[in-house]
């Protein structure tokens, strides 16, 4: 699996909590953040209303891109 580096700025208190959770689990902060993001993506994928909205937005974006390509 390829990787992409992304910088995330967290409130200091949240960053401290994530570090404690990571130490408690015996994993890296990166692993905790990746796990949290995967959980959130799965949650929104299961949200039918969100997915309908996402389809609508991406269809509109595609229409705009198609017009730009002409």
N, C-alpha and C. Protein backbone atom coordinates (compact mmCIF):
# COMPACT_ATOMS: atom_id res chain seq x y z
N UNK A 1 0.85 -1.17 0.00
CA UNK A 1 0.00 0.00 0.00
C UNK A 1 0.89 1.24 0.00
N UNK A 2 0.64 2.15 -0.94
CA UNK A 2 1.42 3.38 -0.95
C UNK A 2 0.94 4.30 0.17
N UNK A 3 1.79 5.21 0.55
CA UNK A 3 1.49 6.12 1.65
C UNK A 3 1.56 7.56 1.16
N UNK A 4 0.79 8.42 1.78
CA UNK A 4 0.82 9.84 1.50
C UNK A 4 0.99 10.56 2.83
N UNK A 5 1.91 11.48 2.86
CA UNK A 5 2.14 12.25 4.08
C UNK A 5 1.20 13.44 4.11
N UNK A 6 0.52 13.62 5.24
CA UNK A 6 -0.39 14.73 5.44
C UNK A 6 -0.10 15.35 6.80
N UNK A 7 -0.05 16.66 6.84
CA UNK A 7 0.16 17.36 8.11
C UNK A 7 -1.20 17.71 8.70
N UNK A 8 -1.39 17.39 9.96
CA UNK A 8 -2.63 17.70 10.66
C UNK A 8 -2.28 18.52 11.88
N UNK A 9 -2.94 19.65 12.02
CA UNK A 9 -2.72 20.49 13.21
C UNK A 9 -3.84 20.21 14.20
N UNK A 10 -3.46 19.69 15.36
CA UNK A 10 -4.43 19.34 16.38
C UNK A 10 -4.35 20.33 17.53
N UNK A 11 -5.47 20.57 18.18
CA UNK A 11 -5.39 21.33 19.43
C UNK A 11 -4.46 20.58 20.39
N UNK A 12 -3.69 21.32 21.14
CA UNK A 12 -2.68 20.71 22.01
C UNK A 12 -3.28 19.67 22.95
N UNK A 13 -4.43 19.98 23.53
CA UNK A 13 -5.06 19.04 24.46
C UNK A 13 -5.43 17.72 23.76
N UNK A 14 -5.96 17.81 22.54
CA UNK A 14 -6.31 16.60 21.79
C UNK A 14 -5.05 15.82 21.43
N UNK A 15 -4.01 16.51 21.01
CA UNK A 15 -2.75 15.85 20.68
C UNK A 15 -2.20 15.11 21.90
N UNK A 16 -2.27 15.74 23.06
CA UNK A 16 -1.80 15.09 24.29
C UNK A 16 -2.61 13.83 24.58
N UNK A 17 -3.93 13.92 24.40
CA UNK A 17 -4.79 12.75 24.65
C UNK A 17 -4.49 11.62 23.68
N UNK A 18 -4.28 11.96 22.41
CA UNK A 18 -3.96 10.94 21.41
C UNK A 18 -2.65 10.26 21.75
N UNK A 19 -1.66 11.02 22.20
CA UNK A 19 -0.38 10.44 22.60
C UNK A 19 -0.55 9.46 23.76
N UNK A 20 -1.39 9.81 24.72
CA UNK A 20 -1.64 8.93 25.86
C UNK A 20 -2.34 7.64 25.40
N UNK A 21 -3.33 7.79 24.54
CA UNK A 21 -4.04 6.62 24.00
C UNK A 21 -3.06 5.73 23.25
N UNK A 22 -2.21 6.33 22.43
CA UNK A 22 -1.23 5.55 21.66
C UNK A 22 -0.29 4.79 22.59
N UNK A 23 0.22 5.48 23.60
CA UNK A 23 1.11 4.80 24.55
C UNK A 23 0.39 3.66 25.26
N UNK A 24 -0.86 3.92 25.65
CA UNK A 24 -1.65 2.90 26.34
C UNK A 24 -1.89 1.68 25.47
N UNK A 25 -2.07 1.91 24.18
CA UNK A 25 -2.28 0.79 23.24
C UNK A 25 -0.96 0.16 22.78
N UNK A 26 0.14 0.85 23.04
CA UNK A 26 1.43 0.35 22.57
C UNK A 26 1.60 0.51 21.07
N UNK A 27 0.99 1.58 20.51
CA UNK A 27 1.10 1.84 19.07
C UNK A 27 1.52 3.28 18.87
N UNK A 28 1.75 3.63 17.62
CA UNK A 28 2.14 5.00 17.31
C UNK A 28 0.92 5.92 17.28
N UNK A 29 1.20 7.22 17.39
CA UNK A 29 0.14 8.22 17.23
C UNK A 29 -0.45 8.07 15.84
N UNK A 30 0.40 7.83 14.85
CA UNK A 30 -0.07 7.64 13.48
C UNK A 30 -1.10 6.51 13.42
N UNK A 31 -0.84 5.40 14.10
CA UNK A 31 -1.77 4.27 14.08
C UNK A 31 -3.12 4.65 14.69
N UNK A 32 -3.11 5.43 15.75
CA UNK A 32 -4.35 5.87 16.38
C UNK A 32 -5.13 6.78 15.43
N UNK A 33 -4.43 7.71 14.78
CA UNK A 33 -5.09 8.63 13.86
C UNK A 33 -5.64 7.88 12.65
N UNK A 34 -4.87 6.97 12.08
CA UNK A 34 -5.34 6.18 10.93
C UNK A 34 -6.57 5.37 11.33
N UNK A 35 -6.54 4.73 12.48
CA UNK A 35 -7.68 3.95 12.96
C UNK A 35 -8.92 4.82 13.12
N UNK A 36 -8.75 6.00 13.69
CA UNK A 36 -9.88 6.92 13.88
C UNK A 36 -10.46 7.37 12.54
N UNK A 37 -9.59 7.65 11.58
CA UNK A 37 -10.06 8.08 10.26
C UNK A 37 -10.77 6.95 9.53
N UNK A 38 -10.24 5.74 9.61
CA UNK A 38 -10.91 4.59 8.99
C UNK A 38 -12.29 4.37 9.60
N UNK A 39 -12.39 4.52 10.91
CA UNK A 39 -13.67 4.38 11.60
C UNK A 39 -14.66 5.43 11.11
N UNK A 40 -14.20 6.67 10.96
CA UNK A 40 -15.07 7.75 10.49
C UNK A 40 -15.51 7.52 9.05
N UNK A 41 -14.61 7.08 8.20
CA UNK A 41 -14.97 6.81 6.80
C UNK A 41 -16.03 5.71 6.74
N UNK A 42 -15.86 4.66 7.51
CA UNK A 42 -16.87 3.58 7.53
C UNK A 42 -18.21 4.09 8.05
N UNK A 43 -18.17 4.99 9.03
CA UNK A 43 -19.41 5.54 9.58
C UNK A 43 -20.16 6.34 8.53
N UNK A 44 -19.45 7.21 7.81
CA UNK A 44 -20.15 8.03 6.82
C UNK A 44 -20.58 7.20 5.62
N UNK A 45 -19.83 6.16 5.28
CA UNK A 45 -20.25 5.29 4.18
C UNK A 45 -21.57 4.60 4.48
N UNK A 46 -21.82 4.34 5.75
CA UNK A 46 -23.06 3.69 6.16
C UNK A 46 -24.22 4.68 6.30
N UNK A 47 -23.93 5.97 6.22
CA UNK A 47 -24.94 7.01 6.36
C UNK A 47 -25.55 7.31 4.99
N UNK A 48 -26.74 6.79 4.74
CA UNK A 48 -27.38 6.92 3.43
C UNK A 48 -27.61 8.38 3.04
N UNK A 49 -27.98 9.21 3.99
CA UNK A 49 -28.21 10.63 3.70
C UNK A 49 -26.91 11.31 3.27
N UNK A 50 -25.84 11.02 3.97
CA UNK A 50 -24.55 11.60 3.62
C UNK A 50 -24.11 11.14 2.23
N UNK A 51 -24.25 9.86 1.95
CA UNK A 51 -23.82 9.32 0.67
C UNK A 51 -24.64 9.92 -0.48
N UNK A 52 -25.93 10.14 -0.26
CA UNK A 52 -26.76 10.78 -1.29
C UNK A 52 -26.26 12.20 -1.54
N UNK A 53 -25.96 12.92 -0.47
CA UNK A 53 -25.44 14.28 -0.60
C UNK A 53 -24.09 14.26 -1.34
N UNK A 54 -23.24 13.32 -1.00
CA UNK A 54 -21.92 13.22 -1.64
C UNK A 54 -22.06 12.95 -3.14
N UNK A 55 -22.98 12.05 -3.50
CA UNK A 55 -23.21 11.77 -4.91
C UNK A 55 -23.66 13.04 -5.65
N UNK A 56 -24.56 13.79 -5.02
CA UNK A 56 -25.07 15.03 -5.62
C UNK A 56 -23.93 16.02 -5.84
N UNK A 57 -23.09 16.18 -4.84
CA UNK A 57 -21.96 17.12 -4.93
C UNK A 57 -20.98 16.68 -6.01
N UNK A 58 -20.65 15.39 -6.05
CA UNK A 58 -19.67 14.93 -7.03
C UNK A 58 -20.24 14.97 -8.45
N UNK A 59 -21.54 14.75 -8.59
CA UNK A 59 -22.16 14.87 -9.92
C UNK A 59 -22.07 16.31 -10.40
N UNK A 60 -22.31 17.25 -9.51
CA UNK A 60 -22.20 18.67 -9.87
C UNK A 60 -20.77 19.01 -10.26
N UNK A 61 -19.79 18.51 -9.47
CA UNK A 61 -18.39 18.75 -9.80
C UNK A 61 -18.05 18.19 -11.17
N UNK A 62 -18.56 17.00 -11.49
CA UNK A 62 -18.29 16.38 -12.79
C UNK A 62 -18.88 17.23 -13.91
N UNK A 63 -20.07 17.74 -13.71
CA UNK A 63 -20.69 18.61 -14.71
C UNK A 63 -19.84 19.85 -14.96
N UNK A 64 -19.32 20.45 -13.91
CA UNK A 64 -18.48 21.63 -14.04
C UNK A 64 -17.19 21.29 -14.77
N UNK A 65 -16.57 20.17 -14.40
CA UNK A 65 -15.33 19.74 -15.07
C UNK A 65 -15.57 19.45 -16.54
N UNK A 66 -16.71 18.82 -16.86
CA UNK A 66 -17.04 18.54 -18.26
C UNK A 66 -17.18 19.84 -19.05
N UNK A 67 -17.82 20.85 -18.46
CA UNK A 67 -17.96 22.15 -19.13
C UNK A 67 -16.61 22.81 -19.34
N UNK A 68 -15.73 22.71 -18.34
CA UNK A 68 -14.40 23.29 -18.46
C UNK A 68 -13.58 22.62 -19.56
N UNK A 69 -13.80 21.33 -19.75
CA UNK A 69 -13.04 20.57 -20.75
C UNK A 69 -13.47 20.88 -22.18
N UNK A 70 -14.61 21.53 -22.37
CA UNK A 70 -15.11 21.83 -23.72
C UNK A 70 -14.38 22.98 -24.36
